[in-house]
N, C-alpha and C. Protein backbone atom coordinates (compact mmCIF):
# COMPACT_ATOMS: atom_id res chain seq x y z
N MET A 1 20.16 2.45 -10.45
CA MET A 1 19.14 2.74 -9.45
C MET A 1 19.45 4.11 -8.87
N GLU A 2 18.49 5.00 -8.95
CA GLU A 2 18.69 6.35 -8.45
C GLU A 2 18.30 6.49 -7.00
N SER A 3 17.26 5.81 -6.59
CA SER A 3 16.77 5.94 -5.23
C SER A 3 15.88 4.75 -4.93
N MET A 4 15.53 4.59 -3.67
CA MET A 4 14.64 3.52 -3.26
C MET A 4 14.16 3.78 -1.85
N MET A 5 13.24 2.94 -1.39
CA MET A 5 12.78 2.97 -0.01
C MET A 5 12.79 1.54 0.49
N TYR A 6 12.79 1.38 1.80
CA TYR A 6 12.73 0.04 2.37
C TYR A 6 12.10 0.11 3.75
N VAL A 7 11.63 -1.05 4.20
CA VAL A 7 11.06 -1.21 5.54
C VAL A 7 11.85 -2.32 6.21
N GLY A 8 12.15 -2.16 7.48
CA GLY A 8 12.88 -3.20 8.20
C GLY A 8 14.38 -2.94 8.16
N GLU A 9 15.14 -4.03 7.96
CA GLU A 9 16.60 -3.93 7.97
C GLU A 9 17.13 -3.16 6.77
N THR A 10 18.24 -2.46 7.00
CA THR A 10 18.89 -1.73 5.92
C THR A 10 19.41 -2.74 4.90
N PRO A 11 19.16 -2.50 3.59
CA PRO A 11 19.65 -3.42 2.56
C PRO A 11 21.18 -3.50 2.58
N TRP A 12 21.71 -4.55 2.00
CA TRP A 12 23.16 -4.79 2.01
C TRP A 12 23.94 -3.61 1.43
N HIS A 13 23.35 -2.88 0.47
CA HIS A 13 24.07 -1.77 -0.17
C HIS A 13 23.99 -0.48 0.64
N GLY A 14 23.13 -0.45 1.66
CA GLY A 14 23.04 0.71 2.54
C GLY A 14 22.35 1.92 1.94
N LEU A 15 21.73 1.78 0.79
CA LEU A 15 21.08 2.91 0.13
C LEU A 15 19.59 2.95 0.42
N GLY A 16 19.00 4.11 0.22
CA GLY A 16 17.55 4.23 0.30
C GLY A 16 17.08 4.97 1.54
N THR A 17 15.77 5.18 1.56
CA THR A 17 15.11 5.86 2.67
C THR A 17 14.34 4.83 3.47
N LYS A 18 14.58 4.78 4.77
CA LYS A 18 13.89 3.82 5.63
C LYS A 18 12.51 4.35 6.00
N ILE A 19 11.53 3.48 5.89
CA ILE A 19 10.16 3.77 6.31
C ILE A 19 9.94 3.02 7.62
N PRO A 20 9.51 3.68 8.68
CA PRO A 20 9.26 2.97 9.94
C PRO A 20 8.22 1.87 9.74
N GLU A 21 8.43 0.73 10.41
CA GLU A 21 7.55 -0.42 10.24
C GLU A 21 6.12 -0.12 10.69
N ASP A 22 5.95 0.83 11.60
CA ASP A 22 4.61 1.13 12.08
C ASP A 22 3.91 2.23 11.28
N LYS A 23 4.53 2.67 10.19
CA LYS A 23 3.91 3.71 9.35
C LYS A 23 3.30 3.05 8.12
N GLY A 24 2.00 3.17 7.99
CA GLY A 24 1.33 2.68 6.80
C GLY A 24 1.42 3.70 5.68
N ILE A 25 1.81 3.26 4.49
CA ILE A 25 1.87 4.17 3.35
C ILE A 25 1.15 3.54 2.17
N ASN A 26 0.72 4.38 1.25
CA ASN A 26 0.10 3.87 0.04
C ASN A 26 1.11 3.95 -1.10
N ILE A 27 0.72 3.46 -2.26
CA ILE A 27 1.64 3.42 -3.39
C ILE A 27 2.14 4.81 -3.76
N ARG A 28 1.26 5.80 -3.78
CA ARG A 28 1.67 7.16 -4.15
C ARG A 28 2.75 7.67 -3.20
N GLU A 29 2.54 7.48 -1.89
CA GLU A 29 3.54 7.92 -0.91
C GLU A 29 4.85 7.15 -1.08
N ALA A 30 4.76 5.85 -1.33
CA ALA A 30 5.95 5.02 -1.52
C ALA A 30 6.75 5.50 -2.74
N ILE A 31 6.06 5.85 -3.80
CA ILE A 31 6.72 6.33 -5.01
C ILE A 31 7.47 7.64 -4.74
N VAL A 32 6.85 8.53 -3.98
CA VAL A 32 7.50 9.80 -3.65
C VAL A 32 8.74 9.55 -2.79
N VAL A 33 8.60 8.74 -1.74
CA VAL A 33 9.73 8.46 -0.85
C VAL A 33 10.87 7.76 -1.60
N ALA A 34 10.51 6.89 -2.53
CA ALA A 34 11.52 6.15 -3.29
C ALA A 34 12.16 6.99 -4.39
N GLY A 35 11.67 8.21 -4.60
CA GLY A 35 12.24 9.07 -5.65
C GLY A 35 11.79 8.67 -7.04
N LEU A 36 10.65 8.01 -7.13
CA LEU A 36 10.13 7.58 -8.43
C LEU A 36 8.93 8.41 -8.87
N ASP A 37 8.78 9.58 -8.30
CA ASP A 37 7.62 10.43 -8.63
C ASP A 37 7.91 11.29 -9.87
N TRP A 38 8.11 10.61 -10.97
CA TRP A 38 8.32 11.26 -12.25
C TRP A 38 7.59 10.47 -13.33
N GLN A 39 7.38 11.12 -14.46
CA GLN A 39 6.69 10.52 -15.60
C GLN A 39 7.67 10.35 -16.75
N VAL A 40 7.32 9.48 -17.68
CA VAL A 40 8.09 9.38 -18.92
C VAL A 40 7.17 9.74 -20.08
N GLU A 41 7.78 10.21 -21.14
CA GLU A 41 7.02 10.50 -22.35
C GLU A 41 7.86 10.11 -23.56
N LEU A 42 7.16 9.89 -24.67
CA LEU A 42 7.84 9.57 -25.92
C LEU A 42 8.04 10.85 -26.71
N ARG A 43 9.25 11.01 -27.24
CA ARG A 43 9.56 12.18 -28.05
C ARG A 43 10.10 11.73 -29.41
N ARG A 44 9.81 12.50 -30.42
CA ARG A 44 10.29 12.17 -31.76
C ARG A 44 11.82 12.21 -31.78
N VAL A 45 12.38 11.30 -32.53
CA VAL A 45 13.83 11.27 -32.73
C VAL A 45 14.12 12.00 -34.04
N VAL A 46 15.01 12.97 -34.00
CA VAL A 46 15.36 13.74 -35.20
C VAL A 46 16.88 13.77 -35.38
N THR A 47 17.29 14.03 -36.58
CA THR A 47 18.71 14.24 -36.85
C THR A 47 18.97 15.74 -36.85
N VAL A 48 20.19 16.10 -36.50
CA VAL A 48 20.57 17.51 -36.43
C VAL A 48 21.80 17.70 -37.32
N ASN A 49 21.79 18.74 -38.13
CA ASN A 49 22.94 19.00 -39.00
C ASN A 49 24.06 19.65 -38.19
N PRO A 50 25.24 19.82 -38.79
CA PRO A 50 26.37 20.40 -38.05
C PRO A 50 26.11 21.79 -37.48
N GLU A 51 25.17 22.52 -38.05
CA GLU A 51 24.86 23.86 -37.54
C GLU A 51 23.86 23.79 -36.37
N GLY A 52 23.43 22.59 -35.99
CA GLY A 52 22.50 22.43 -34.88
C GLY A 52 21.03 22.57 -35.26
N ILE A 53 20.73 22.53 -36.54
CA ILE A 53 19.36 22.66 -37.00
C ILE A 53 18.76 21.27 -37.19
N ALA A 54 17.57 21.07 -36.62
CA ALA A 54 16.90 19.77 -36.74
C ALA A 54 16.52 19.54 -38.18
N LYS A 55 16.81 18.34 -38.62
CA LYS A 55 16.46 17.95 -39.99
C LYS A 55 15.35 16.93 -39.94
N ALA A 56 15.55 15.83 -40.57
CA ALA A 56 14.51 14.81 -40.72
C ALA A 56 14.25 14.07 -39.41
N GLY A 57 12.97 13.74 -39.20
CA GLY A 57 12.60 12.92 -38.05
C GLY A 57 12.65 11.46 -38.43
N ILE A 58 12.95 10.63 -37.47
CA ILE A 58 12.91 9.18 -37.69
C ILE A 58 11.52 8.74 -37.30
N LEU A 59 10.71 8.37 -38.26
CA LEU A 59 9.29 8.17 -38.05
C LEU A 59 8.93 6.98 -37.18
N ASP A 60 9.73 5.93 -37.21
CA ASP A 60 9.31 4.70 -36.50
C ASP A 60 10.07 4.45 -35.20
N HIS A 61 10.74 5.44 -34.67
CA HIS A 61 11.43 5.30 -33.39
C HIS A 61 11.21 6.55 -32.54
N PHE A 62 11.21 6.34 -31.23
CA PHE A 62 10.97 7.44 -30.30
C PHE A 62 11.98 7.38 -29.15
N ALA A 63 12.29 8.53 -28.62
CA ALA A 63 13.13 8.61 -27.43
C ALA A 63 12.21 8.58 -26.22
N VAL A 64 12.57 7.79 -25.21
CA VAL A 64 11.84 7.78 -23.94
C VAL A 64 12.59 8.73 -23.03
N CYS A 65 11.88 9.75 -22.53
CA CYS A 65 12.52 10.78 -21.70
C CYS A 65 11.74 10.98 -20.41
N ARG A 66 12.46 11.22 -19.34
CA ARG A 66 11.84 11.54 -18.05
C ARG A 66 11.48 13.02 -18.08
N THR A 67 10.24 13.34 -17.73
CA THR A 67 9.78 14.73 -17.84
C THR A 67 10.34 15.64 -16.76
N SER A 68 10.71 15.10 -15.61
CA SER A 68 11.18 15.95 -14.51
C SER A 68 12.52 16.61 -14.80
N ASP A 69 13.40 15.92 -15.54
CA ASP A 69 14.73 16.47 -15.81
C ASP A 69 15.16 16.28 -17.26
N ASN A 70 14.23 15.84 -18.10
CA ASN A 70 14.49 15.59 -19.53
C ASN A 70 15.57 14.54 -19.78
N ALA A 71 15.82 13.68 -18.81
CA ALA A 71 16.82 12.63 -18.99
C ALA A 71 16.37 11.66 -20.08
N PHE A 72 17.30 11.30 -20.94
CA PHE A 72 17.06 10.33 -22.02
C PHE A 72 17.21 8.93 -21.42
N LEU A 73 16.21 8.09 -21.61
CA LEU A 73 16.23 6.75 -21.02
C LEU A 73 16.39 5.64 -22.05
N GLY A 74 16.11 5.91 -23.31
CA GLY A 74 16.27 4.88 -24.33
C GLY A 74 15.49 5.19 -25.59
N ILE A 75 15.67 4.33 -26.60
CA ILE A 75 14.98 4.43 -27.88
C ILE A 75 14.04 3.24 -28.00
N VAL A 76 12.82 3.50 -28.47
CA VAL A 76 11.83 2.43 -28.62
C VAL A 76 11.17 2.54 -29.98
N GLY A 77 10.49 1.46 -30.35
CA GLY A 77 9.79 1.42 -31.62
C GLY A 77 8.38 1.98 -31.53
N PRO A 78 7.65 1.92 -32.64
CA PRO A 78 6.33 2.55 -32.70
C PRO A 78 5.26 1.85 -31.85
N ASP A 79 5.47 0.60 -31.47
CA ASP A 79 4.46 -0.13 -30.70
C ASP A 79 4.63 0.02 -29.19
N TYR A 80 5.67 0.69 -28.76
CA TYR A 80 5.94 0.83 -27.33
C TYR A 80 4.93 1.77 -26.69
N MET A 81 4.36 1.32 -25.57
CA MET A 81 3.44 2.15 -24.79
C MET A 81 4.10 2.42 -23.45
N PRO A 82 4.36 3.67 -23.10
CA PRO A 82 5.03 3.95 -21.82
C PRO A 82 4.14 3.57 -20.64
N LEU A 83 4.77 3.04 -19.62
CA LEU A 83 4.09 2.66 -18.39
C LEU A 83 4.67 3.53 -17.27
N GLN A 84 3.82 4.33 -16.65
CA GLN A 84 4.28 5.23 -15.60
C GLN A 84 4.52 4.43 -14.32
N ASN A 85 5.38 4.94 -13.46
CA ASN A 85 5.74 4.24 -12.22
C ASN A 85 4.51 3.89 -11.38
N GLU A 86 3.59 4.83 -11.26
CA GLU A 86 2.40 4.58 -10.44
C GLU A 86 1.57 3.44 -11.01
N GLN A 87 1.43 3.38 -12.33
CA GLN A 87 0.71 2.27 -12.97
C GLN A 87 1.46 0.96 -12.78
N ALA A 88 2.76 1.01 -12.92
CA ALA A 88 3.57 -0.21 -12.81
C ALA A 88 3.53 -0.81 -11.42
N LEU A 89 3.35 0.02 -10.40
CA LEU A 89 3.41 -0.46 -9.02
C LEU A 89 2.04 -0.64 -8.36
N GLU A 90 0.95 -0.41 -9.09
CA GLU A 90 -0.39 -0.57 -8.52
C GLU A 90 -0.61 -1.98 -7.96
N TRP A 91 -0.01 -2.99 -8.60
CA TRP A 91 -0.18 -4.37 -8.16
C TRP A 91 0.33 -4.58 -6.74
N PHE A 92 1.19 -3.68 -6.26
CA PHE A 92 1.81 -3.84 -4.95
C PHE A 92 0.93 -3.33 -3.81
N GLN A 93 -0.11 -2.56 -4.11
CA GLN A 93 -0.95 -1.96 -3.07
C GLN A 93 -1.54 -3.00 -2.10
N PRO A 94 -2.02 -4.15 -2.57
CA PRO A 94 -2.55 -5.13 -1.60
C PRO A 94 -1.52 -5.56 -0.54
N PHE A 95 -0.24 -5.61 -0.90
CA PHE A 95 0.78 -5.96 0.07
C PHE A 95 0.93 -4.86 1.12
N LEU A 96 0.87 -3.60 0.68
CA LEU A 96 0.92 -2.49 1.64
C LEU A 96 -0.31 -2.50 2.52
N ASP A 97 -1.49 -2.79 1.93
CA ASP A 97 -2.72 -2.87 2.71
C ASP A 97 -2.64 -3.96 3.76
N ALA A 98 -2.10 -5.14 3.38
CA ALA A 98 -2.01 -6.26 4.31
C ALA A 98 -1.08 -5.92 5.47
N ALA A 99 0.05 -5.28 5.19
CA ALA A 99 0.98 -4.90 6.26
C ALA A 99 0.32 -3.90 7.19
N SER A 100 -0.41 -2.95 6.64
CA SER A 100 -1.10 -1.96 7.44
C SER A 100 -2.20 -2.62 8.27
N LEU A 101 -2.91 -3.56 7.68
CA LEU A 101 -3.97 -4.29 8.38
C LEU A 101 -3.38 -5.11 9.53
N GLU A 102 -2.25 -5.75 9.30
CA GLU A 102 -1.60 -6.52 10.37
C GLU A 102 -1.19 -5.62 11.52
N ARG A 103 -0.64 -4.44 11.22
CA ARG A 103 -0.29 -3.50 12.29
C ARG A 103 -1.53 -3.10 13.08
N TYR A 104 -2.61 -2.84 12.38
CA TYR A 104 -3.88 -2.47 13.01
C TYR A 104 -4.35 -3.59 13.95
N ILE A 105 -4.34 -4.82 13.47
CA ILE A 105 -4.80 -5.96 14.28
C ILE A 105 -3.94 -6.12 15.52
N ARG A 106 -2.62 -5.97 15.37
CA ARG A 106 -1.72 -6.12 16.53
C ARG A 106 -1.99 -5.04 17.58
N VAL A 107 -2.30 -3.84 17.15
CA VAL A 107 -2.60 -2.76 18.11
C VAL A 107 -3.93 -3.03 18.80
N VAL A 108 -4.94 -3.40 18.03
CA VAL A 108 -6.28 -3.62 18.58
C VAL A 108 -6.29 -4.78 19.57
N PHE A 109 -5.68 -5.88 19.21
CA PHE A 109 -5.66 -7.06 20.06
C PHE A 109 -4.34 -7.15 20.80
N SER A 110 -4.09 -6.17 21.65
CA SER A 110 -2.81 -6.11 22.35
C SER A 110 -2.85 -6.70 23.75
N SER A 111 -4.00 -7.25 24.15
CA SER A 111 -4.07 -7.84 25.49
C SER A 111 -3.33 -9.18 25.51
N PRO A 112 -2.83 -9.60 26.67
CA PRO A 112 -2.04 -10.83 26.74
C PRO A 112 -2.80 -12.07 26.25
N GLU A 113 -4.09 -12.15 26.53
CA GLU A 113 -4.81 -13.36 26.11
C GLU A 113 -4.97 -13.44 24.59
N ASP A 114 -4.85 -12.31 23.91
CA ASP A 114 -4.93 -12.33 22.45
C ASP A 114 -3.56 -12.43 21.81
N LYS A 115 -2.50 -12.39 22.62
CA LYS A 115 -1.11 -12.52 22.14
C LYS A 115 -0.82 -11.56 20.99
N GLY A 116 -1.29 -10.33 21.12
CA GLY A 116 -0.99 -9.32 20.10
C GLY A 116 -1.67 -9.59 18.77
N GLY A 117 -2.68 -10.42 18.74
CA GLY A 117 -3.42 -10.68 17.52
C GLY A 117 -2.76 -11.65 16.56
N ARG A 118 -1.65 -12.28 16.97
CA ARG A 118 -0.92 -13.16 16.04
C ARG A 118 -1.80 -14.27 15.48
N GLU A 119 -2.55 -14.96 16.35
CA GLU A 119 -3.39 -16.05 15.86
C GLU A 119 -4.62 -15.52 15.12
N LEU A 120 -4.97 -14.28 15.36
CA LEU A 120 -6.18 -13.71 14.76
C LEU A 120 -5.93 -13.12 13.38
N ILE A 121 -4.68 -12.83 13.05
CA ILE A 121 -4.39 -12.11 11.81
C ILE A 121 -5.01 -12.80 10.60
N PRO A 122 -4.82 -14.10 10.38
CA PRO A 122 -5.43 -14.72 9.18
C PRO A 122 -6.96 -14.62 9.19
N ASN A 123 -7.59 -14.76 10.37
CA ASN A 123 -9.04 -14.67 10.44
C ASN A 123 -9.55 -13.27 10.13
N ILE A 124 -8.90 -12.27 10.70
CA ILE A 124 -9.34 -10.89 10.47
C ILE A 124 -9.10 -10.50 9.01
N ILE A 125 -7.96 -10.90 8.45
CA ILE A 125 -7.69 -10.60 7.05
C ILE A 125 -8.75 -11.26 6.16
N TYR A 126 -9.13 -12.50 6.49
CA TYR A 126 -10.18 -13.16 5.71
C TYR A 126 -11.49 -12.37 5.79
N LEU A 127 -11.86 -11.94 6.99
CA LEU A 127 -13.10 -11.16 7.14
C LEU A 127 -12.99 -9.80 6.45
N PHE A 128 -11.80 -9.21 6.48
CA PHE A 128 -11.56 -7.94 5.79
C PHE A 128 -11.81 -8.08 4.29
N GLU A 129 -11.39 -9.23 3.73
CA GLU A 129 -11.52 -9.44 2.29
C GLU A 129 -12.84 -10.08 1.89
N ASN A 130 -13.51 -10.82 2.81
CA ASN A 130 -14.69 -11.60 2.43
C ASN A 130 -15.88 -11.46 3.37
N GLY A 131 -15.75 -10.69 4.43
CA GLY A 131 -16.80 -10.66 5.45
C GLY A 131 -18.02 -9.86 5.07
N ARG A 132 -18.97 -9.85 5.99
CA ARG A 132 -20.22 -9.09 5.79
C ARG A 132 -19.90 -7.62 5.60
N GLY A 133 -20.36 -7.06 4.51
CA GLY A 133 -20.19 -5.63 4.27
C GLY A 133 -18.80 -5.20 3.83
N HIS A 134 -17.92 -6.16 3.49
CA HIS A 134 -16.55 -5.76 3.14
C HIS A 134 -16.50 -4.90 1.88
N ARG A 135 -17.40 -5.13 0.95
CA ARG A 135 -17.41 -4.29 -0.26
C ARG A 135 -17.85 -2.86 0.06
N GLU A 136 -18.85 -2.75 0.91
CA GLU A 136 -19.34 -1.43 1.27
C GLU A 136 -18.33 -0.67 2.13
N ALA A 137 -17.68 -1.38 3.04
CA ALA A 137 -16.72 -0.74 3.94
C ALA A 137 -15.45 -0.33 3.21
N GLY A 138 -15.01 -1.13 2.26
CA GLY A 138 -13.82 -0.82 1.48
C GLY A 138 -12.54 -1.35 2.09
N HIS A 139 -11.47 -1.26 1.32
CA HIS A 139 -10.15 -1.68 1.78
C HIS A 139 -9.45 -0.48 2.41
N ASN A 140 -9.89 -0.17 3.61
CA ASN A 140 -9.34 0.96 4.34
C ASN A 140 -9.53 0.65 5.84
N TYR A 141 -9.29 1.63 6.69
CA TYR A 141 -9.41 1.36 8.13
C TYR A 141 -10.86 1.15 8.56
N TRP A 142 -11.80 1.71 7.83
CA TRP A 142 -13.20 1.42 8.15
C TRP A 142 -13.48 -0.05 7.86
N GLY A 143 -12.96 -0.58 6.77
CA GLY A 143 -13.09 -2.00 6.46
C GLY A 143 -12.41 -2.87 7.50
N ALA A 144 -11.26 -2.42 8.00
CA ALA A 144 -10.56 -3.18 9.05
C ALA A 144 -11.39 -3.20 10.33
N TYR A 145 -11.95 -2.04 10.67
CA TYR A 145 -12.81 -1.97 11.86
C TYR A 145 -14.03 -2.87 11.68
N ASN A 146 -14.60 -2.87 10.49
CA ASN A 146 -15.74 -3.74 10.18
C ASN A 146 -15.37 -5.21 10.39
N ALA A 147 -14.17 -5.62 9.95
CA ALA A 147 -13.73 -7.02 10.10
C ALA A 147 -13.56 -7.38 11.58
N VAL A 148 -12.99 -6.48 12.36
CA VAL A 148 -12.82 -6.73 13.80
C VAL A 148 -14.18 -6.85 14.48
N THR A 149 -15.10 -5.96 14.13
CA THR A 149 -16.44 -6.00 14.72
C THR A 149 -17.14 -7.31 14.36
N GLU A 150 -17.01 -7.74 13.12
CA GLU A 150 -17.62 -9.02 12.72
C GLU A 150 -17.00 -10.18 13.52
N TYR A 151 -15.70 -10.16 13.68
CA TYR A 151 -15.04 -11.20 14.47
C TYR A 151 -15.58 -11.21 15.91
N LEU A 152 -15.67 -10.04 16.51
CA LEU A 152 -16.16 -9.95 17.90
C LEU A 152 -17.61 -10.40 18.01
N ASN A 153 -18.44 -10.03 17.02
CA ASN A 153 -19.86 -10.34 17.07
C ASN A 153 -20.20 -11.80 16.77
N TYR A 154 -19.40 -12.46 15.93
CA TYR A 154 -19.80 -13.78 15.45
C TYR A 154 -18.81 -14.91 15.77
N PHE A 155 -17.56 -14.59 16.03
CA PHE A 155 -16.57 -15.66 16.14
C PHE A 155 -15.82 -15.72 17.46
N ARG A 156 -15.85 -14.68 18.24
CA ARG A 156 -15.14 -14.69 19.52
C ARG A 156 -16.08 -15.22 20.59
N GLY A 157 -15.61 -16.09 21.43
CA GLY A 157 -16.42 -16.66 22.51
C GLY A 157 -16.79 -18.10 22.20
N LYS A 158 -17.00 -18.86 23.28
CA LYS A 158 -17.29 -20.29 23.13
C LYS A 158 -18.77 -20.57 22.92
N SER A 159 -19.62 -19.61 23.25
CA SER A 159 -21.06 -19.77 23.06
C SER A 159 -21.64 -18.40 22.73
N GLN A 160 -22.90 -18.42 22.30
CA GLN A 160 -23.55 -17.15 21.99
C GLN A 160 -23.69 -16.29 23.24
N ASP A 161 -24.03 -16.92 24.37
CA ASP A 161 -24.15 -16.17 25.63
C ASP A 161 -22.81 -15.54 26.02
N ASN A 162 -21.74 -16.32 25.88
CA ASN A 162 -20.41 -15.82 26.20
C ASN A 162 -20.03 -14.66 25.30
N THR A 163 -20.33 -14.78 23.99
CA THR A 163 -20.03 -13.72 23.04
C THR A 163 -20.79 -12.44 23.39
N LEU A 164 -22.09 -12.57 23.66
CA LEU A 164 -22.91 -11.40 23.98
C LEU A 164 -22.47 -10.75 25.29
N SER A 165 -22.19 -11.56 26.29
CA SER A 165 -21.76 -11.03 27.58
C SER A 165 -20.45 -10.24 27.42
N SER A 166 -19.53 -10.78 26.63
CA SER A 166 -18.26 -10.10 26.40
C SER A 166 -18.46 -8.81 25.61
N LEU A 167 -19.37 -8.84 24.63
CA LEU A 167 -19.66 -7.64 23.85
C LEU A 167 -20.28 -6.53 24.70
N TRP A 168 -21.17 -6.92 25.59
CA TRP A 168 -21.89 -5.92 26.37
C TRP A 168 -21.13 -5.43 27.60
N PHE A 169 -20.45 -6.37 28.27
CA PHE A 169 -19.85 -6.02 29.56
C PHE A 169 -18.36 -6.35 29.69
N GLY A 170 -17.83 -7.10 28.77
CA GLY A 170 -16.49 -7.64 28.98
C GLY A 170 -15.42 -7.11 28.05
N GLU A 171 -14.46 -7.97 27.81
CA GLU A 171 -13.27 -7.63 27.05
C GLU A 171 -13.59 -7.18 25.62
N SER A 172 -14.59 -7.77 24.98
CA SER A 172 -14.91 -7.38 23.60
C SER A 172 -15.37 -5.93 23.50
N THR A 173 -15.99 -5.40 24.57
CA THR A 173 -16.35 -3.98 24.59
C THR A 173 -15.10 -3.12 24.48
N ASN A 174 -14.08 -3.47 25.25
CA ASN A 174 -12.82 -2.72 25.24
C ASN A 174 -12.10 -2.87 23.89
N VAL A 175 -12.10 -4.10 23.35
CA VAL A 175 -11.44 -4.34 22.07
C VAL A 175 -12.15 -3.54 20.97
N ASN A 176 -13.49 -3.53 20.99
CA ASN A 176 -14.24 -2.80 19.98
C ASN A 176 -13.93 -1.30 20.06
N ARG A 177 -13.88 -0.77 21.27
CA ARG A 177 -13.54 0.65 21.46
C ARG A 177 -12.12 0.92 20.95
N GLN A 178 -11.19 0.03 21.29
CA GLN A 178 -9.80 0.17 20.84
C GLN A 178 -9.72 0.08 19.32
N ALA A 179 -10.54 -0.79 18.72
CA ALA A 179 -10.54 -0.94 17.26
C ALA A 179 -10.97 0.36 16.59
N LEU A 180 -12.01 0.99 17.11
CA LEU A 180 -12.49 2.25 16.53
C LEU A 180 -11.46 3.36 16.74
N THR A 181 -10.95 3.49 17.94
CA THR A 181 -9.95 4.53 18.24
C THR A 181 -8.72 4.36 17.36
N THR A 182 -8.25 3.14 17.22
CA THR A 182 -7.06 2.86 16.41
C THR A 182 -7.32 3.17 14.94
N ALA A 183 -8.49 2.75 14.44
CA ALA A 183 -8.82 3.03 13.03
C ALA A 183 -8.84 4.52 12.77
N LEU A 184 -9.41 5.28 13.67
CA LEU A 184 -9.48 6.74 13.49
C LEU A 184 -8.08 7.36 13.52
N LYS A 185 -7.23 6.89 14.44
CA LYS A 185 -5.85 7.43 14.52
C LYS A 185 -5.05 7.08 13.29
N MET A 186 -5.14 5.80 12.85
CA MET A 186 -4.34 5.36 11.72
C MET A 186 -4.81 5.99 10.42
N ALA A 187 -6.08 6.31 10.34
CA ALA A 187 -6.61 6.92 9.11
C ALA A 187 -6.29 8.41 9.04
N ALA A 188 -6.00 9.02 10.18
CA ALA A 188 -5.74 10.47 10.20
C ALA A 188 -4.42 10.82 9.53
């Protein structure tokens, strides 16, 4: 292992770059911080005579080399398809999105009666992934703001009158304003 990144407690081995828990990052940024921002390529394997002149190539084997420093990583057969770090880690983006969304929810719902959004997190995440307009809004802070707005408009309050009163004159007005301000700050 050449490098890594982590969030939270320092790993037992003490290595890596710490990312603050309140900093949202995407896969590309994580790859750079972890020191994995390099590509691999396949190169022909050849034999070299004692004078240093390349002779015959080995047709059915290739050397896997890192392009940033030409480091040799291994020998593979003809069916091997290289997988770049960014492609290999794309599956992890939803986890980064969820952590970022949870931070957003905790900031937006920071009033004591909302207990920092803890009970709301599963509901807002559901609306973020399945709510009205979630495809159009996207998996970003605009989508998170859309999910909070949907929650405030349709699910917060014990009655429709209570919901509307809160939206127009009460706490939901402040939460909605905080949601927009937070989304704009976090997206910047």
